[in-house]
Amino acid sequence: MKQAIVARRDLGMSPGKLAAQVAHASLSAVEKADAEARRAWKQGGQKKVVLRSPDERTLFELKVIAEDAGLPVAIIRDAGHTQLEPGTVTALAVGPAGDEAVDAVTGDLKLY
């Protein structure tokens, strides 16, 4: 079991901003997972990987693929209080789900 969080590189987010957006994405997707997936993921150490996306379009393409596969997903839009304009799409979380299912969606992406 694992979760992949895909964050946009084109926004130039500071390390702190990136960390906050990744955290938002992770928690939001976990809340959408069923109880069995949450339990298995937590018992397995809550494995996560943070990957990079070149742009917003890629996040939405991956979201559709993940949804079609029946995986929990979350798209994060920034509130606009600090570095970004309100509503800016910053990250996508896929899973928690089986490693192979998550890799089928995000396996071609590079680490952030």
PDB file of N, CA and C in Angstrom:
ATOM      1  N   MET A   1       0.843  -1.187   0.000  1.00  0.00           N
ATOM      2  CA  MET A   1       0.000   0.000   0.000  1.00  0.00           C
ATOM      3  C   MET A   1       0.882   1.242   0.000  1.00  0.00           C
ATOM      4  N   LYS A   2       0.452   2.208  -0.798  1.00  0.00           N
ATOM      5  CA  LYS A   2       1.157   3.485  -0.790  1.00  0.00           C
ATOM      6  C   LYS A   2       0.255   4.586  -1.315  1.00  0.00           C
ATOM      7  N   GLN A   3       0.791   5.786  -1.225  1.00  0.00           N
ATOM      8  CA  GLN A   3       0.121   6.970  -1.739  1.00  0.00           C
ATOM      9  C   GLN A   3       1.150   7.767  -2.524  1.00  0.00           C
ATOM     10  N   ALA A   4       0.731   8.314  -3.655  1.00  0.00           N
ATOM     11  CA  ALA A   4       1.588   9.204  -4.432  1.00  0.00           C
ATOM     12  C   ALA A   4       0.977  10.594  -4.411  1.00  0.00           C
ATOM     13  N   ILE A   5       1.816  11.570  -4.137  1.00  0.00           N
ATOM     14  CA  ILE A   5       1.388  12.960  -4.196  1.00  0.00           C
ATOM     15  C   ILE A   5       2.189  13.617  -5.312  1.00  0.00           C
ATOM     16  N   VAL A   6       1.471  14.198  -6.259  1.00  0.00           N
ATOM     17  CA  VAL A   6       2.089  14.814  -7.433  1.00  0.00           C
ATOM     18  C   VAL A   6       1.910  16.321  -7.309  1.00  0.00           C
ATOM     19  N   ALA A   7       3.026  17.040  -7.296  1.00  0.00           N
ATOM     20  CA  ALA A   7       2.996  18.491  -7.107  1.00  0.00           C
ATOM     21  C   ALA A   7       3.539  19.197  -8.345  1.00  0.00           C
ATOM     22  N   ARG A   8       2.977  20.346  -8.627  1.00  0.00           N
ATOM     23  CA  ARG A   8       3.403  21.137  -9.782  1.00  0.00           C
ATOM     24  C   ARG A   8       4.752  21.790  -9.544  1.00  0.00           C
ATOM     25  N   ARG A   9       5.650  21.640 -10.520  1.00  0.00           N
ATOM     26  CA  ARG A   9       6.971  22.285 -10.454  1.00  0.00           C
ATOM     27  C   ARG A   9       6.953  23.667 -11.076  1.00  0.00           C
ATOM     28  N   ASP A  10       5.975  23.950 -11.911  1.00  0.00           N
ATOM     29  CA  ASP A  10       5.972  25.212 -12.644  1.00  0.00           C
ATOM     30  C   ASP A  10       5.551  26.407 -11.795  1.00  0.00           C
ATOM     31  N   LEU A  11       5.125  26.184 -10.572  1.00  0.00           N
ATOM     32  CA  LEU A  11       4.649  27.287  -9.731  1.00  0.00           C
ATOM     33  C   LEU A  11       5.743  27.947  -8.911  1.00  0.00           C
ATOM     34  N   GLY A  12       6.876  27.294  -8.760  1.00  0.00           N
ATOM     35  CA  GLY A  12       7.961  27.864  -7.970  1.00  0.00           C
ATOM     36  C   GLY A  12       7.622  27.996  -6.494  1.00  0.00           C
ATOM     37  N   MET A  13       6.866  27.028  -5.956  1.00  0.00           N
ATOM     38  CA  MET A  13       6.504  27.086  -4.542  1.00  0.00           C
ATOM     39  C   MET A  13       7.750  26.965  -3.665  1.00  0.00           C
ATOM     40  N   SER A  14       7.759  27.703  -2.571  1.00  0.00           N
ATOM     41  CA  SER A  14       8.841  27.570  -1.598  1.00  0.00           C
ATOM     42  C   SER A  14       8.755  26.178  -0.967  1.00  0.00           C
ATOM     43  N   PRO A  15       9.834  25.720  -0.332  1.00  0.00           N
ATOM     44  CA  PRO A  15       9.782  24.407   0.318  1.00  0.00           C
ATOM     45  C   PRO A  15       8.643  24.283   1.338  1.00  0.00           C
ATOM     46  N   GLY A  16       8.403  25.328   2.099  1.00  0.00           N
ATOM     47  CA  GLY A  16       7.321  25.288   3.075  1.00  0.00           C
ATOM     48  C   GLY A  16       5.956  25.209   2.431  1.00  0.00           C
ATOM     49  N   LYS A  17       5.765  25.980   1.373  1.00  0.00           N
ATOM     50  CA  LYS A  17       4.493  25.963   0.649  1.00  0.00           C
ATOM     51  C   LYS A  17       4.271  24.590   0.033  1.00  0.00           C
ATOM     52  N   LEU A  18       5.311  24.031  -0.568  1.00  0.00           N
ATOM     53  CA  LEU A  18       5.219  22.699  -1.152  1.00  0.00           C
ATOM     54  C   LEU A  18       4.823  21.675  -0.089  1.00  0.00           C
ATOM     55  N   ALA A  19       5.477  21.739   1.072  1.00  0.00           N
ATOM     56  CA  ALA A  19       5.170  20.790   2.143  1.00  0.00           C
ATOM     57  C   ALA A  19       3.706  20.897   2.568  1.00  0.00           C
ATOM     58  N   ALA A  20       3.201  22.105   2.684  1.00  0.00           N
ATOM     59  CA  ALA A  20       1.807  22.302   3.083  1.00  0.00           C
ATOM     60  C   ALA A  20       0.848  21.740   2.042  1.00  0.00           C
ATOM     61  N   GLN A  21       1.130  21.973   0.764  1.00  0.00           N
ATOM     62  CA  GLN A  21       0.244  21.487  -0.286  1.00  0.00           C
ATOM     63  C   GLN A  21       0.253  19.957  -0.365  1.00  0.00           C
ATOM     64  N   VAL A  22       1.427  19.368  -0.193  1.00  0.00           N
ATOM     65  CA  VAL A  22       1.543  17.909  -0.181  1.00  0.00           C
ATOM     66  C   VAL A  22       0.757  17.335   0.998  1.00  0.00           C
ATOM     67  N   ALA A  23       0.858  17.963   2.155  1.00  0.00           N
ATOM     68  CA  ALA A  23       0.121  17.496   3.330  1.00  0.00           C
ATOM     69  C   ALA A  23      -1.379  17.589   3.106  1.00  0.00           C
ATOM     70  N   HIS A  24      -1.835  18.697   2.544  1.00  0.00           N
ATOM     71  CA  HIS A  24      -3.264  18.850   2.242  1.00  0.00           C
ATOM     72  C   HIS A  24      -3.735  17.727   1.311  1.00  0.00           C
ATOM     73  N   ALA A  25      -2.961  17.469   0.272  1.00  0.00           N
ATOM     74  CA  ALA A  25      -3.342  16.441  -0.703  1.00  0.00           C
ATOM     75  C   ALA A  25      -3.400  15.067  -0.054  1.00  0.00           C
ATOM     76  N   SER A  26      -2.385  14.744   0.724  1.00  0.00           N
ATOM     77  CA  SER A  26      -2.337  13.436   1.373  1.00  0.00           C
ATOM     78  C   SER A  26      -3.558  13.214   2.250  1.00  0.00           C
ATOM     79  N   LEU A  27      -3.817  14.140   3.142  1.00  0.00           N
ATOM     80  CA  LEU A  27      -4.948  13.991   4.057  1.00  0.00           C
ATOM     81  C   LEU A  27      -6.282  13.940   3.321  1.00  0.00           C
ATOM     82  N   SER A  28      -6.438  14.762   2.308  1.00  0.00           N
ATOM     83  CA  SER A  28      -7.704  14.795   1.575  1.00  0.00           C
ATOM     84  C   SER A  28      -7.992  13.473   0.886  1.00  0.00           C
ATOM     85  N   ALA A  29      -6.969  12.861   0.285  1.00  0.00           N
ATOM     86  CA  ALA A  29      -7.180  11.582  -0.395  1.00  0.00           C
ATOM     87  C   ALA A  29      -7.417  10.454   0.603  1.00  0.00           C
ATOM     88  N   VAL A  30      -6.715  10.481   1.730  1.00  0.00           N
ATOM     89  CA  VAL A  30      -6.920   9.447   2.752  1.00  0.00           C
ATOM     90  C   VAL A  30      -8.362   9.478   3.239  1.00  0.00           C
ATOM     91  N   GLU A  31      -8.923  10.659   3.401  1.00  0.00           N
ATOM     92  CA  GLU A  31     -10.309  10.777   3.848  1.00  0.00           C
ATOM     93  C   GLU A  31     -11.288  10.170   2.848  1.00  0.00           C
ATOM     94  N   LYS A  32     -10.903  10.079   1.585  1.00  0.00           N
ATOM     95  CA  LYS A  32     -11.775   9.515   0.548  1.00  0.00           C
ATOM     96  C   LYS A  32     -11.616   8.008   0.393  1.00  0.00           C
ATOM     97  N   ALA A  33     -10.563   7.443   0.972  1.00  0.00           N
ATOM     98  CA  ALA A  33     -10.317   6.005   0.872  1.00  0.00           C
ATOM     99  C   ALA A  33     -11.281   5.245   1.780  1.00  0.00           C
ATOM    100  N   ASP A  34     -11.584   4.002   1.422  1.00  0.00           N
ATOM    101  CA  ASP A  34     -12.448   3.197   2.286  1.00  0.00           C
ATOM    102  C   ASP A  34     -11.681   2.764   3.534  1.00  0.00           C
ATOM    103  N   ALA A  35     -12.414   2.285   4.518  1.00  0.00           N
ATOM    104  CA  ALA A  35     -11.837   1.952   5.818  1.00  0.00           C
ATOM    105  C   ALA A  35     -10.752   0.883   5.706  1.00  0.00           C
ATOM    106  N   GLU A  36     -10.948  -0.110   4.856  1.00  0.00           N
ATOM    107  CA  GLU A  36      -9.958  -1.179   4.709  1.00  0.00           C
ATOM    108  C   GLU A  36      -8.651  -0.642   4.125  1.00  0.00           C
ATOM    109  N   ALA A  37      -8.744   0.219   3.133  1.00  0.00           N
ATOM    110  CA  ALA A  37      -7.537   0.804   2.539  1.00  0.00           C
ATOM    111  C   ALA A  37      -6.801   1.674   3.550  1.00  0.00           C
ATOM    112  N   ARG A  38      -7.538   2.467   4.309  1.00  0.00           N
ATOM    113  CA  ARG A  38      -6.910   3.302   5.340  1.00  0.00           C
ATOM    114  C   ARG A  38      -6.202   2.449   6.383  1.00  0.00           C
ATOM    115  N   ARG A  39      -6.871   1.390   6.835  1.00  0.00           N
ATOM    116  CA  ARG A  39      -6.284   0.514   7.850  1.00  0.00           C
ATOM    117  C   ARG A  39      -5.014  -0.141   7.336  1.00  0.00           C
ATOM    118  N   ALA A  40      -5.081  -0.713   6.130  1.00  0.00           N
ATOM    119  CA  ALA A  40      -3.917  -1.401   5.571  1.00  0.00           C
ATOM    120  C   ALA A  40      -2.754  -0.440   5.355  1.00  0.00           C
ATOM    121  N   TRP A  41      -3.051   0.749   4.883  1.00  0.00           N
ATOM    122  CA  TRP A  41      -2.014   1.758   4.639  1.00  0.00           C
ATOM    123  C   TRP A  41      -1.359   2.186   5.944  1.00  0.00           C
ATOM    124  N   LYS A  42      -2.162   2.429   6.961  1.00  0.00           N
ATOM    125  CA  LYS A  42      -1.614   2.836   8.257  1.00  0.00           C
ATOM    126  C   LYS A  42      -0.779   1.720   8.870  1.00  0.00           C
ATOM    127  N   GLN A  43      -1.254   0.502   8.793  1.00  0.00           N
ATOM    128  CA  GLN A  43      -0.501  -0.624   9.357  1.00  0.00           C
ATOM    129  C   GLN A  43       0.797  -0.870   8.592  1.00  0.00           C
ATOM    130  N   GLY A  44       0.832  -0.493   7.327  1.00  0.00           N
ATOM    131  CA  GLY A  44       2.023  -0.685   6.511  1.00  0.00           C
ATOM    132  C   GLY A  44       3.011   0.465   6.576  1.00  0.00           C
ATOM    133  N   GLY A  45       2.784   1.426   7.456  1.00  0.00           N
ATOM    134  CA  GLY A  45       3.729   2.526   7.627  1.00  0.00           C
ATOM    135  C   GLY A  45       3.385   3.804   6.884  1.00  0.00           C
ATOM    136  N   GLN A  46       2.205   3.869   6.270  1.00  0.00           N
ATOM    137  CA  GLN A  46       1.744   5.069   5.565  1.00  0.00           C
ATOM    138  C   GLN A  46       2.729   5.516   4.490  1.00  0.00           C
ATOM    139  N   LYS A  47       3.172   4.581   3.664  1.00  0.00           N
ATOM    140  CA  LYS A  47       4.162   4.880   2.624  1.00  0.00           C
ATOM    141  C   LYS A  47       3.623   5.937   1.664  1.00  0.00           C
ATOM    142  N   LYS A  48       4.497   6.935   1.397  1.00  0.00           N
ATOM    143  CA  LYS A  48       4.165   8.026   0.469  1.00  0.00           C
ATOM    144  C   LYS A  48       5.357   8.299  -0.422  1.00  0.00           C
ATOM    145  N   VAL A  49       5.069   8.804  -1.603  1.00  0.00           N
ATOM    146  CA  VAL A  49       6.110   9.279  -2.499  1.00  0.00           C
ATOM    147  C   VAL A  49       5.620  10.608  -3.081  1.00  0.00           C
ATOM    148  N   VAL A  50       6.521  11.573  -3.187  1.00  0.00           N
ATOM    149  CA  VAL A  50       6.170  12.873  -3.758  1.00  0.00           C
ATOM    150  C   VAL A  50       6.834  12.972  -5.124  1.00  0.00           C
ATOM    151  N   LEU A  51       6.003  13.215  -6.126  1.00  0.00           N
ATOM    152  CA  LEU A  51       6.435  13.240  -7.520  1.00  0.00           C
ATOM    153  C   LEU A  51       6.175  14.607  -8.115  1.00  0.00           C
ATOM    154  N   ARG A  52       6.782  14.860  -9.259  1.00  0.00           N
ATOM    155  CA  ARG A  52       6.624  16.178  -9.869  1.00  0.00           C
ATOM    156  C   ARG A  52       5.804  16.112 -11.154  1.00  0.00           C
ATOM    157  N   SER A  53       5.057  17.169 -11.338  1.00  0.00           N
ATOM    158  CA  SER A  53       4.261  17.362 -12.544  1.00  0.00           C
ATOM    159  C   SER A  53       4.728  18.664 -13.195  1.00  0.00           C
ATOM    160  N   PRO A  54       4.803  18.684 -14.515  1.00  0.00           N
ATOM    161  CA  PRO A  54       5.239  19.915 -15.164  1.00  0.00           C
ATOM    162  C   PRO A  54       4.177  21.018 -15.174  1.00  0.00           C
ATOM    163  N   ASP A  55       2.899  20.627 -14.990  1.00  0.00           N
ATOM    164  CA  ASP A  55       1.844  21.631 -15.144  1.00  0.00           C
ATOM    165  C   ASP A  55       0.506  21.119 -14.611  1.00  0.00           C
ATOM    166  N   GLU A  56      -0.462  22.002 -14.607  1.00  0.00           N
ATOM    167  CA  GLU A  56      -1.809  21.690 -14.132  1.00  0.00           C
ATOM    168  C   GLU A  56      -2.487  20.637 -15.001  1.00  0.00           C
ATOM    169  N   ARG A  57      -2.335  20.738 -16.296  1.00  0.00           N
ATOM    170  CA  ARG A  57      -2.983  19.799 -17.214  1.00  0.00           C
ATOM    171  C   ARG A  57      -2.635  18.361 -16.873  1.00  0.00           C
ATOM    172  N   THR A  58      -1.366  18.124 -16.575  1.00  0.00           N
ATOM    173  CA  THR A  58      -0.925  16.773 -16.242  1.00  0.00           C
ATOM    174  C   THR A  58      -1.624  16.261 -14.994  1.00  0.00           C
ATOM    175  N   LEU A  59      -1.807  17.112 -13.991  1.00  0.00           N
ATOM    176  CA  LEU A  59      -2.511  16.688 -12.780  1.00  0.00           C
ATOM    177  C   LEU A  59      -3.921  16.208 -13.101  1.00  0.00           C
ATOM    178  N   PHE A  60      -4.621  16.946 -13.940  1.00  0.00           N
ATOM    179  CA  PHE A  60      -5.990  16.562 -14.265  1.00  0.00           C
ATOM    180  C   PHE A  60      -6.043  15.299 -15.136  1.00  0.00           C
ATOM    181  N   GLU A  61      -5.069  15.118 -16.001  1.00  0.00           N
ATOM    182  CA  GLU A  61      -5.007  13.879 -16.785  1.00  0.00           C
ATOM    183  C   GLU A  61      -4.808  12.673 -15.863  1.00  0.00           C
ATOM    184  N   LEU A  62      -3.906  12.803 -14.895  1.00  0.00           N
ATOM    185  CA  LEU A  62      -3.656  11.725 -13.941  1.00  0.00           C
ATOM    186  C   LEU A  62      -4.871  11.478 -13.057  1.00  0.00           C
ATOM    187  N   LYS A  63      -5.561  12.545 -12.693  1.00  0.00           N
ATOM    188  CA  LYS A  63      -6.767  12.414 -11.870  1.00  0.00           C
ATOM    189  C   LYS A  63      -7.802  11.547 -12.567  1.00  0.00           C
ATOM    190  N   VAL A  64      -8.025  11.785 -13.841  1.00  0.00           N
ATOM    191  CA  VAL A  64      -9.011  11.005 -14.601  1.00  0.00           C
ATOM    192  C   VAL A  64      -8.608   9.537 -14.654  1.00  0.00           C
ATOM    193  N   ILE A  65      -7.341   9.277 -14.904  1.00  0.00           N
ATOM    194  CA  ILE A  65      -6.846   7.896 -14.960  1.00  0.00           C
ATOM    195  C   ILE A  65      -7.060   7.206 -13.615  1.00  0.00           C
ATOM    196  N   ALA A  66      -6.717   7.892 -12.528  1.00  0.00           N
ATOM    197  CA  ALA A  66      -6.866   7.323 -11.187  1.00  0.00           C
ATOM    198  C   ALA A  66      -8.334   7.070 -10.848  1.00  0.00           C
ATOM    199  N   GLU A  67      -9.185   8.024 -11.168  1.00  0.00           N
ATOM    200  CA  GLU A  67     -10.618   7.854 -10.898  1.00  0.00           C
ATOM    201  C   GLU A  67     -11.182   6.688 -11.696  1.00  0.00           C
ATOM    202  N   ASP A  68     -10.785   6.581 -12.956  1.00  0.00           N
ATOM    203  CA  ASP A  68     -11.250   5.470 -13.792  1.00  0.00           C
ATOM    204  C   ASP A  68     -10.821   4.121 -13.222  1.00  0.00           C
ATOM    205  N   ALA A  69      -9.691   4.102 -12.514  1.00  0.00           N
ATOM    206  CA  ALA A  69      -9.194   2.878 -11.884  1.00  0.00           C
ATOM    207  C   ALA A  69      -9.829   2.648 -10.510  1.00  0.00           C
ATOM    208  N   GLY A  70     -10.669   3.578 -10.060  1.00  0.00           N
ATOM    209  CA  GLY A  70     -11.348   3.427  -8.782  1.00  0.00           C
ATOM    210  C   GLY A  70     -10.501   3.774  -7.571  1.00  0.00           C
ATOM    211  N   LEU A  71      -9.452   4.564  -7.789  1.00  0.00           N
ATOM    212  CA  LEU A  71      -8.558   4.935  -6.687  1.00  0.00           C
ATOM    213  C   LEU A  71      -9.022   6.223  -6.017  1.00  0.00           C
ATOM    214  N   PRO A  72      -8.759   6.363  -4.709  1.00  0.00           N
ATOM    215  CA  PRO A  72      -9.063   7.640  -4.064  1.00  0.00           C
ATOM    216  C   PRO A  72      -8.114   8.720  -4.580  1.00  0.00           C
ATOM    217  N   VAL A  73      -8.662   9.875  -4.885  1.00  0.00           N
ATOM    218  CA  VAL A  73      -7.860  10.986  -5.401  1.00  0.00           C
ATOM    219  C   VAL A  73      -8.307  12.296  -4.760  1.00  0.00           C
ATOM    220  N   ALA A  74      -7.401  13.252  -4.746  1.00  0.00           N
ATOM    221  CA  ALA A  74      -7.724  14.592  -4.273  1.00  0.00           C
ATOM    222  C   ALA A  74      -6.903  15.605  -5.054  1.00  0.00           C
ATOM    223  N   ILE A  75      -7.576  16.593  -5.599  1.00  0.00           N
ATOM    224  CA  ILE A  75      -6.933  17.749  -6.231  1.00  0.00           C
ATOM    225  C   ILE A  75      -6.970  18.883  -5.220  1.00  0.00           C
ATOM    226  N   ILE A  76      -5.836  19.565  -5.067  1.00  0.00           N
ATOM    227  CA  ILE A  76      -5.752  20.653  -4.099  1.00  0.00           C
ATOM    228  C   ILE A  76      -5.687  21.995  -4.814  1.00  0.00           C
ATOM    229  N   ARG A  77      -6.527  22.905  -4.366  1.00  0.00           N
ATOM    230  CA  ARG A  77      -6.546  24.283  -4.859  1.00  0.00           C
ATOM    231  C   ARG A  77      -6.161  25.188  -3.695  1.00  0.00           C
ATOM    232  N   ASP A  78      -5.186  26.036  -3.920  1.00  0.00           N
ATOM    233  CA  ASP A  78      -4.677  26.904  -2.864  1.00  0.00           C
ATOM    234  C   ASP A  78      -5.695  27.977  -2.490  1.00  0.00           C
ATOM    235  N   ALA A  79      -5.707  28.319  -1.208  1.00  0.00           N
ATOM    236  CA  ALA A  79      -6.622  29.356  -0.723  1.00  0.00           C
ATOM    237  C   ALA A  79      -6.172  30.758  -1.100  1.00  0.00           C
ATOM    238  N   GLY A  80      -4.900  30.919  -1.452  1.00  0.00           N
ATOM    239  CA  GLY A  80      -4.421  32.227  -1.895  1.00  0.00           C
ATOM    240  C   GLY A  80      -4.014  33.176  -0.796  1.00  0.00           C
ATOM    241  N   HIS A  81      -3.705  32.663   0.372  1.00  0.00           N
ATOM    242  CA  HIS A  81      -3.338  33.543   1.489  1.00  0.00           C
ATOM    243  C   HIS A  81      -1.885  33.989   1.453  1.00  0.00           C
ATOM    244  N   THR A  82      -1.028  33.271   0.719  1.00  0.00           N
ATOM    245  CA  THR A  82       0.399  33.608   0.761  1.00  0.00           C
ATOM    246  C   THR A  82       0.972  33.795  -0.644  1.00  0.00           C
ATOM    247  N   GLN A  83       1.516  32.752  -1.241  1.00  0.00           N
ATOM    248  CA  GLN A  83       2.302  32.874  -2.467  1.00  0.00           C
ATOM    249  C   GLN A  83       1.516  32.786  -3.771  1.00  0.00           C
ATOM    250  N   LEU A  84       0.368  32.154  -3.736  1.00  0.00           N
ATOM    251  CA  LEU A  84      -0.344  31.845  -4.979  1.00  0.00           C
ATOM    252  C   LEU A  84      -1.699  32.536  -5.035  1.00  0.00           C
ATOM    253  N   GLU A  85      -2.208  32.650  -6.249  1.00  0.00           N
ATOM    254  CA  GLU A  85      -3.546  33.217  -6.434  1.00  0.00           C
ATOM    255  C   GLU A  85      -4.589  32.227  -5.912  1.00  0.00           C
ATOM    256  N   PRO A  86      -5.694  32.726  -5.355  1.00  0.00           N
ATOM    257  CA  PRO A  86      -6.746  31.824  -4.881  1.00  0.00           C
ATOM    258  C   PRO A  86      -7.212  30.887  -6.001  1.00  0.00           C
ATOM    259  N   GLY A  87      -7.361  29.620  -5.657  1.00  0.00           N
ATOM    260  CA  GLY A  87      -7.853  28.638  -6.615  1.00  0.00           C
ATOM    261  C   GLY A  87      -6.777  27.963  -7.449  1.00  0.00           C
ATOM    262  N   THR A  88      -5.519  28.361  -7.280  1.00  0.00           N
ATOM    263  CA  THR A  88      -4.439  27.735  -8.035  1.00  0.00           C
ATOM    264  C   THR A  88      -4.351  26.256  -7.685  1.00  0.00           C
ATOM    265  N   VAL A  89      -4.378  25.398  -8.696  1.00  0.00           N
ATOM    266  CA  VAL A  89      -4.243  23.961  -8.488  1.00  0.00           C
ATOM    267  C   VAL A  89      -2.766  23.667  -8.247  1.00  0.00           C
ATOM    268  N   THR A  90      -2.472  23.016  -7.098  1.00  0.00           N
ATOM    269  CA  THR A  90      -1.082  22.801  -6.702  1.00  0.00           C
ATOM    270  C   THR A  90      -0.650  21.345  -6.680  1.00  0.00           C
ATOM    271  N   ALA A  91      -1.572  20.437  -6.351  1.00  0.00           N
ATOM    272  CA  ALA A  91      -1.159  19.049  -6.138  1.00  0.00           C
ATOM    273  C   ALA A  91      -2.322  18.084  -6.346  1.00  0.00           C
ATOM    274  N   LEU A  92      -1.937  16.834  -6.554  1.00  0.00           N
ATOM    275  CA  LEU A  92      -2.869  15.716  -6.695  1.00  0.00           C
ATOM    276  C   LEU A  92      -2.351  14.584  -5.826  1.00  0.00           C
ATOM    277  N   ALA A  93      -3.228  13.955  -5.059  1.00  0.00           N
ATOM    278  CA  ALA A  93      -2.864  12.740  -4.332  1.00  0.00           C
ATOM    279  C   ALA A  93      -3.621  11.570  -4.929  1.00  0.00           C
ATOM    280  N   VAL A  94      -2.924  10.445  -5.067  1.00  0.00           N
ATOM    281  CA  VAL A  94      -3.512   9.201  -5.560  1.00  0.00           C
ATOM    282  C   VAL A  94      -3.259   8.134  -4.503  1.00  0.00           C
ATOM    283  N   GLY A  95      -4.327   7.511  -4.033  1.00  0.00           N
ATOM    284  CA  GLY A  95      -4.216   6.487  -3.005  1.00  0.00           C
ATOM    285  C   GLY A  95      -4.500   7.083  -1.646  1.00  0.00           C
ATOM    286  N   PRO A  96      -4.462   6.233  -0.632  1.00  0.00           N
ATOM    287  CA  PRO A  96      -3.751   4.974  -0.546  1.00  0.00           C
ATOM    288  C   PRO A  96      -4.445   3.847  -1.289  1.00  0.00           C
ATOM    289  N   ALA A  97      -3.591   3.030  -1.908  1.00  0.00           N
ATOM    290  CA  ALA A  97      -4.041   1.855  -2.646  1.00  0.00           C
ATOM    291  C   ALA A  97      -2.825   0.951  -2.825  1.00  0.00           C
ATOM    292  N   GLY A  98      -3.041  -0.174  -3.434  1.00  0.00           N
ATOM    293  CA  GLY A  98      -1.939  -1.086  -3.684  1.00  0.00           C
ATOM    294  C   GLY A  98      -0.856  -0.428  -4.515  1.00  0.00           C
ATOM    295  N   ASP A  99       0.383  -0.815  -4.257  1.00  0.00           N
ATOM    296  CA  ASP A  99       1.524  -0.226  -4.969  1.00  0.00           C
ATOM    297  C   ASP A  99       1.339  -0.289  -6.483  1.00  0.00           C
ATOM    298  N   GLU A 100       0.947  -1.430  -6.987  1.00  0.00           N
ATOM    299  CA  GLU A 100       0.820  -1.598  -8.438  1.00  0.00           C
ATOM    300  C   GLU A 100      -0.257  -0.695  -9.016  1.00  0.00           C
ATOM    301  N   ALA A 101      -1.349  -0.521  -8.299  1.00  0.00           N
ATOM    302  CA  ALA A 101      -2.428   0.345  -8.785  1.00  0.00           C
ATOM    303  C   ALA A 101      -1.979   1.804  -8.838  1.00  0.00           C
ATOM    304  N   VAL A 102      -1.266   2.247  -7.797  1.00  0.00           N
ATOM    305  CA  VAL A 102      -0.769   3.626  -7.776  1.00  0.00           C
ATOM    306  C   VAL A 102       0.296   3.810  -8.853  1.00  0.00           C
ATOM    307  N   ASP A 103       1.198   2.842  -8.982  1.00  0.00           N
ATOM    308  CA  ASP A 103       2.256   2.932  -9.993  1.00  0.00           C
ATOM    309  C   ASP A 103       1.702   2.946 -11.416  1.00  0.00           C
ATOM    310  N   ALA A 104       0.568   2.294 -11.632  1.00  0.00           N
ATOM    311  CA  ALA A 104      -0.040   2.295 -12.965  1.00  0.00           C
ATOM    312  C   ALA A 104      -0.443   3.709 -13.377  1.00  0.00           C
ATOM    313  N   VAL A 105      -0.714   4.569 -12.412  1.00  0.00           N
ATOM    314  CA  VAL A 105      -1.109   5.950 -12.682  1.00  0.00           C
ATOM    315  C   VAL A 105       0.102   6.881 -12.691  1.00  0.00           C
ATOM    316  N   THR A 106       1.016   6.710 -11.735  1.00  0.00           N
ATOM    317  CA  THR A 106       2.069   7.690 -11.505  1.00  0.00           C
ATOM    318  C   THR A 106       3.482   7.173 -11.737  1.00  0.00           C
ATOM    319  N   GLY A 107       3.606   5.933 -12.148  1.00  0.00           N
ATOM    320  CA  GLY A 107       4.917   5.289 -12.223  1.00  0.00           C
ATOM    321  C   GLY A 107       5.920   5.908 -13.188  1.00  0.00           C
ATOM    322  N   ASP A 108       5.464   6.698 -14.143  1.00  0.00           N
ATOM    323  CA  ASP A 108       6.363   7.327 -15.098  1.00  0.00           C
ATOM    324  C   ASP A 108       6.893   8.681 -14.646  1.00  0.00           C
ATOM    325  N   LEU A 109       6.420   9.161 -13.504  1.00  0.00           N
ATOM    326  CA  LEU A 109       6.832  10.475 -13.016  1.00  0.00           C
ATOM    327  C   LEU A 109       8.122  10.388 -12.213  1.00  0.00           C
ATOM    328  N   LYS A 110       8.838  11.507 -12.161  1.00  0.00           N
ATOM    329  CA  LYS A 110      10.086  11.582 -11.405  1.00  0.00           C
ATOM    330  C   LYS A 110       9.822  12.113 -10.001  1.00  0.00           C
ATOM    331  N   LEU A 111      10.736  11.743  -9.093  1.00  0.00           N
ATOM    332  CA  LEU A 111      10.639  12.253  -7.731  1.00  0.00           C
ATOM    333  C   LEU A 111      10.761  13.770  -7.714  1.00  0.00           C
ATOM    334  N   TYR A 112      10.083  14.395  -6.773  1.00  0.00           N
ATOM    335  CA  TYR A 112      10.148  15.856  -6.665  1.00  0.00           C
ATOM    336  C   TYR A 112      11.482  16.249  -6.097  1.00  0.00           C
TER     337      TYR A 112
END
